Protein backbone atom coordinates (compact mmCIF):
# COMPACT_ATOMS: atom_id res chain seq x y z
CA UNK A 1 0.00 0.00 0.00
CA UNK A 2 1.20 3.47 -0.85
CA UNK A 3 0.51 6.11 1.74
CA UNK A 4 1.10 9.80 1.09
CA UNK A 5 1.12 12.97 3.20
CA UNK A 6 -0.96 15.94 2.08
CA UNK A 7 0.56 19.22 3.22
CA UNK A 8 -0.01 22.93 2.62
CA UNK A 9 -3.67 22.59 3.56
CA UNK A 10 -3.48 25.80 5.62
CA UNK A 11 -2.86 27.71 2.36
CA UNK A 12 -6.27 26.57 1.14
CA UNK A 13 -9.13 25.66 3.50
CA UNK A 14 -7.34 23.94 6.37
CA UNK A 15 -8.22 20.44 7.51
CA UNK A 16 -11.95 21.23 7.85
CA UNK A 17 -12.44 20.32 4.17
CA UNK A 18 -11.26 16.73 4.69
CA UNK A 19 -13.23 13.71 5.91
CA UNK A 20 -11.97 10.17 6.58
CA UNK A 21 -12.91 7.99 3.61
CA UNK A 22 -13.10 10.95 1.23
CA UNK A 23 -11.79 10.47 -2.31
CA UNK A 24 -9.31 13.07 -3.52
CA UNK A 25 -7.27 13.42 -6.69
CA UNK A 26 -3.65 14.27 -7.35
CA UNK A 27 -2.80 16.26 -10.47
CA UNK A 28 0.77 16.62 -11.70
CA UNK A 29 2.08 20.20 -11.99
CA UNK A 30 5.21 19.84 -14.15
CA UNK A 31 5.45 23.63 -14.58
CA UNK A 32 5.51 24.29 -10.83
CA UNK A 33 8.44 26.68 -10.24
CA UNK A 34 9.13 25.32 -6.75
CA UNK A 35 9.03 21.57 -7.45
CA UNK A 36 9.18 19.83 -10.84
CA UNK A 37 7.54 16.76 -9.23
CA UNK A 38 4.72 18.73 -7.59
CA UNK A 39 1.37 16.98 -7.29
CA UNK A 40 -1.56 19.24 -6.39
CA UNK A 41 -4.42 17.64 -4.44
CA UNK A 42 -8.01 18.50 -5.37
CA UNK A 43 -11.47 17.44 -4.21
CA UNK A 44 -14.01 15.60 -6.37
CA UNK A 45 -15.21 19.09 -7.40
CA UNK A 46 -11.66 20.04 -8.48
CA UNK A 47 -11.20 22.43 -5.54
CA UNK A 48 -7.46 22.69 -4.71
CA UNK A 49 -6.79 21.68 -1.11
CA UNK A 50 -3.07 20.87 -0.73
CA UNK A 51 -0.02 19.14 -2.18
CA UNK A 52 1.52 15.72 -1.78
CA UNK A 53 4.60 16.20 0.41
CA UNK A 54 7.93 15.94 -1.38
CA UNK A 55 10.50 16.85 1.26
CA UNK A 56 12.20 14.80 3.97
CA UNK A 57 10.96 17.50 6.34
CA UNK A 58 7.27 17.11 5.43
CA UNK A 59 6.73 13.46 4.40
CA UNK A 60 5.28 11.58 7.37
CA UNK A 61 7.05 8.40 8.46
CA UNK A 62 5.83 5.42 6.45
CA UNK A 63 4.59 7.59 3.58
CA UNK A 64 5.92 8.02 0.06
CA UNK A 65 7.01 11.38 -1.33
CA UNK A 66 5.53 12.95 -4.45
CA UNK A 67 8.78 12.16 -6.25
CA UNK A 68 8.49 8.49 -5.36
CA UNK A 69 4.98 8.13 -6.84
CA UNK A 70 5.27 10.69 -9.65
CA UNK A 71 6.01 8.13 -12.38
CA UNK A 72 3.38 5.62 -11.22
CA UNK A 73 0.49 7.40 -12.98
CA UNK A 74 -0.11 9.57 -16.05
CA UNK A 75 -1.57 12.99 -15.14
CA UNK A 76 -4.08 12.23 -12.39
CA UNK A 77 -4.27 9.76 -9.52
CA UNK A 78 -6.91 9.05 -6.89
CA UNK A 79 -6.51 8.63 -3.16
CA UNK A 80 -8.60 7.99 -0.06
CA UNK A 81 -8.24 9.98 3.18
CA UNK A 82 -7.24 7.75 6.11
CA UNK A 83 -6.24 10.17 8.88
CA UNK A 84 -6.35 13.87 9.66
CA UNK A 85 -3.67 14.86 12.16
CA UNK A 86 -3.07 18.49 13.14
CA UNK A 87 -2.33 20.26 9.86
CA UNK A 88 -1.61 17.25 7.63
CA UNK A 89 -3.71 14.56 6.00
CA UNK A 90 -2.59 10.98 5.44
CA UNK A 91 -4.14 9.25 2.43
CA UNK A 92 -3.80 5.95 0.61
CA UNK A 93 -2.99 6.06 -3.09
CA UNK A 94 -5.64 3.98 -4.86
CA UNK A 95 -4.81 1.52 -7.64
CA UNK A 96 -4.71 3.32 -10.98
CA UNK A 97 -6.34 1.91 -14.06
C-alpha atoms as a PDB file:
ATOM      1  CA  UNK A   1       0.000   0.000   0.000  1.00  0.00           C
ATOM      2  CA  UNK A   2       1.204   3.472  -0.851  1.00  0.00           C
ATOM      3  CA  UNK A   3       0.508   6.110   1.738  1.00  0.00           C
ATOM      4  CA  UNK A   4       1.098   9.800   1.093  1.00  0.00           C
ATOM      5  CA  UNK A   5       1.124  12.968   3.198  1.00  0.00           C
ATOM      6  CA  UNK A   6      -0.957  15.939   2.085  1.00  0.00           C
ATOM      7  CA  UNK A   7       0.558  19.225   3.217  1.00  0.00           C
ATOM      8  CA  UNK A   8      -0.011  22.927   2.621  1.00  0.00           C
ATOM      9  CA  UNK A   9      -3.673  22.592   3.560  1.00  0.00           C
ATOM     10  CA  UNK A  10      -3.478  25.802   5.616  1.00  0.00           C
ATOM     11  CA  UNK A  11      -2.856  27.709   2.363  1.00  0.00           C
ATOM     12  CA  UNK A  12      -6.269  26.574   1.142  1.00  0.00           C
ATOM     13  CA  UNK A  13      -9.131  25.655   3.500  1.00  0.00           C
ATOM     14  CA  UNK A  14      -7.341  23.939   6.371  1.00  0.00           C
ATOM     15  CA  UNK A  15      -8.221  20.438   7.505  1.00  0.00           C
ATOM     16  CA  UNK A  16     -11.945  21.226   7.845  1.00  0.00           C
ATOM     17  CA  UNK A  17     -12.439  20.320   4.169  1.00  0.00           C
ATOM     18  CA  UNK A  18     -11.262  16.732   4.691  1.00  0.00           C
ATOM     19  CA  UNK A  19     -13.228  13.707   5.914  1.00  0.00           C
ATOM     20  CA  UNK A  20     -11.974  10.174   6.583  1.00  0.00           C
ATOM     21  CA  UNK A  21     -12.915   7.987   3.613  1.00  0.00           C
ATOM     22  CA  UNK A  22     -13.105  10.954   1.229  1.00  0.00           C
ATOM     23  CA  UNK A  23     -11.793  10.472  -2.311  1.00  0.00           C
ATOM     24  CA  UNK A  24      -9.306  13.073  -3.524  1.00  0.00           C
ATOM     25  CA  UNK A  25      -7.267  13.422  -6.687  1.00  0.00           C
ATOM     26  CA  UNK A  26      -3.648  14.273  -7.350  1.00  0.00           C
ATOM     27  CA  UNK A  27      -2.802  16.261 -10.471  1.00  0.00           C
ATOM     28  CA  UNK A  28       0.774  16.623 -11.697  1.00  0.00           C
ATOM     29  CA  UNK A  29       2.076  20.196 -11.991  1.00  0.00           C
ATOM     30  CA  UNK A  30       5.207  19.841 -14.151  1.00  0.00           C
ATOM     31  CA  UNK A  31       5.446  23.633 -14.584  1.00  0.00           C
ATOM     32  CA  UNK A  32       5.510  24.294 -10.826  1.00  0.00           C
ATOM     33  CA  UNK A  33       8.444  26.682 -10.236  1.00  0.00           C
ATOM     34  CA  UNK A  34       9.128  25.321  -6.748  1.00  0.00           C
ATOM     35  CA  UNK A  35       9.028  21.566  -7.448  1.00  0.00           C
ATOM     36  CA  UNK A  36       9.179  19.834 -10.838  1.00  0.00           C
ATOM     37  CA  UNK A  37       7.545  16.765  -9.226  1.00  0.00           C
ATOM     38  CA  UNK A  38       4.718  18.734  -7.593  1.00  0.00           C
ATOM     39  CA  UNK A  39       1.373  16.977  -7.286  1.00  0.00           C
ATOM     40  CA  UNK A  40      -1.563  19.244  -6.391  1.00  0.00           C
ATOM     41  CA  UNK A  41      -4.421  17.639  -4.443  1.00  0.00           C
ATOM     42  CA  UNK A  42      -8.014  18.503  -5.368  1.00  0.00           C
ATOM     43  CA  UNK A  43     -11.467  17.438  -4.209  1.00  0.00           C
ATOM     44  CA  UNK A  44     -14.007  15.602  -6.371  1.00  0.00           C
ATOM     45  CA  UNK A  45     -15.211  19.085  -7.398  1.00  0.00           C
ATOM     46  CA  UNK A  46     -11.662  20.041  -8.478  1.00  0.00           C
ATOM     47  CA  UNK A  47     -11.199  22.430  -5.544  1.00  0.00           C
ATOM     48  CA  UNK A  48      -7.455  22.691  -4.711  1.00  0.00           C
ATOM     49  CA  UNK A  49      -6.790  21.682  -1.106  1.00  0.00           C
ATOM     50  CA  UNK A  50      -3.069  20.873  -0.730  1.00  0.00           C
ATOM     51  CA  UNK A  51      -0.018  19.140  -2.179  1.00  0.00           C
ATOM     52  CA  UNK A  52       1.524  15.716  -1.779  1.00  0.00           C
ATOM     53  CA  UNK A  53       4.596  16.201   0.414  1.00  0.00           C
ATOM     54  CA  UNK A  54       7.931  15.939  -1.381  1.00  0.00           C
ATOM     55  CA  UNK A  55      10.503  16.848   1.263  1.00  0.00           C
ATOM     56  CA  UNK A  56      12.197  14.800   3.968  1.00  0.00           C
ATOM     57  CA  UNK A  57      10.957  17.495   6.345  1.00  0.00           C
ATOM     58  CA  UNK A  58       7.273  17.106   5.428  1.00  0.00           C
ATOM     59  CA  UNK A  59       6.728  13.462   4.395  1.00  0.00           C
ATOM     60  CA  UNK A  60       5.279  11.576   7.374  1.00  0.00           C
ATOM     61  CA  UNK A  61       7.050   8.404   8.461  1.00  0.00           C
ATOM     62  CA  UNK A  62       5.832   5.421   6.447  1.00  0.00           C
ATOM     63  CA  UNK A  63       4.593   7.586   3.581  1.00  0.00           C
ATOM     64  CA  UNK A  64       5.922   8.022   0.058  1.00  0.00           C
ATOM     65  CA  UNK A  65       7.014  11.380  -1.329  1.00  0.00           C
ATOM     66  CA  UNK A  66       5.532  12.949  -4.451  1.00  0.00           C
ATOM     67  CA  UNK A  67       8.777  12.165  -6.251  1.00  0.00           C
ATOM     68  CA  UNK A  68       8.488   8.494  -5.362  1.00  0.00           C
ATOM     69  CA  UNK A  69       4.980   8.128  -6.835  1.00  0.00           C
ATOM     70  CA  UNK A  70       5.274  10.694  -9.652  1.00  0.00           C
ATOM     71  CA  UNK A  71       6.007   8.132 -12.380  1.00  0.00           C
ATOM     72  CA  UNK A  72       3.382   5.618 -11.224  1.00  0.00           C
ATOM     73  CA  UNK A  73       0.488   7.403 -12.979  1.00  0.00           C
ATOM     74  CA  UNK A  74      -0.109   9.569 -16.052  1.00  0.00           C
ATOM     75  CA  UNK A  75      -1.565  12.986 -15.145  1.00  0.00           C
ATOM     76  CA  UNK A  76      -4.076  12.230 -12.395  1.00  0.00           C
ATOM     77  CA  UNK A  77      -4.272   9.760  -9.516  1.00  0.00           C
ATOM     78  CA  UNK A  78      -6.907   9.045  -6.892  1.00  0.00           C
ATOM     79  CA  UNK A  79      -6.505   8.629  -3.156  1.00  0.00           C
ATOM     80  CA  UNK A  80      -8.598   7.991  -0.058  1.00  0.00           C
ATOM     81  CA  UNK A  81      -8.244   9.983   3.177  1.00  0.00           C
ATOM     82  CA  UNK A  82      -7.239   7.752   6.112  1.00  0.00           C
ATOM     83  CA  UNK A  83      -6.236  10.166   8.883  1.00  0.00           C
ATOM     84  CA  UNK A  84      -6.351  13.866   9.656  1.00  0.00           C
ATOM     85  CA  UNK A  85      -3.671  14.863  12.158  1.00  0.00           C
ATOM     86  CA  UNK A  86      -3.075  18.488  13.145  1.00  0.00           C
ATOM     87  CA  UNK A  87      -2.328  20.263   9.860  1.00  0.00           C
ATOM     88  CA  UNK A  88      -1.615  17.247   7.630  1.00  0.00           C
ATOM     89  CA  UNK A  89      -3.708  14.564   5.999  1.00  0.00           C
ATOM     90  CA  UNK A  90      -2.590  10.976   5.436  1.00  0.00           C
ATOM     91  CA  UNK A  91      -4.140   9.246   2.432  1.00  0.00           C
ATOM     92  CA  UNK A  92      -3.801   5.954   0.606  1.00  0.00           C
ATOM     93  CA  UNK A  93      -2.986   6.060  -3.092  1.00  0.00           C
ATOM     94  CA  UNK A  94      -5.640   3.981  -4.856  1.00  0.00           C
ATOM     95  CA  UNK A  95      -4.808   1.525  -7.644  1.00  0.00           C
ATOM     96  CA  UNK A  96      -4.711   3.317 -10.981  1.00  0.00           C
ATOM     97  CA  UNK A  97      -6.345   1.906 -14.055  1.00  0.00           C
END
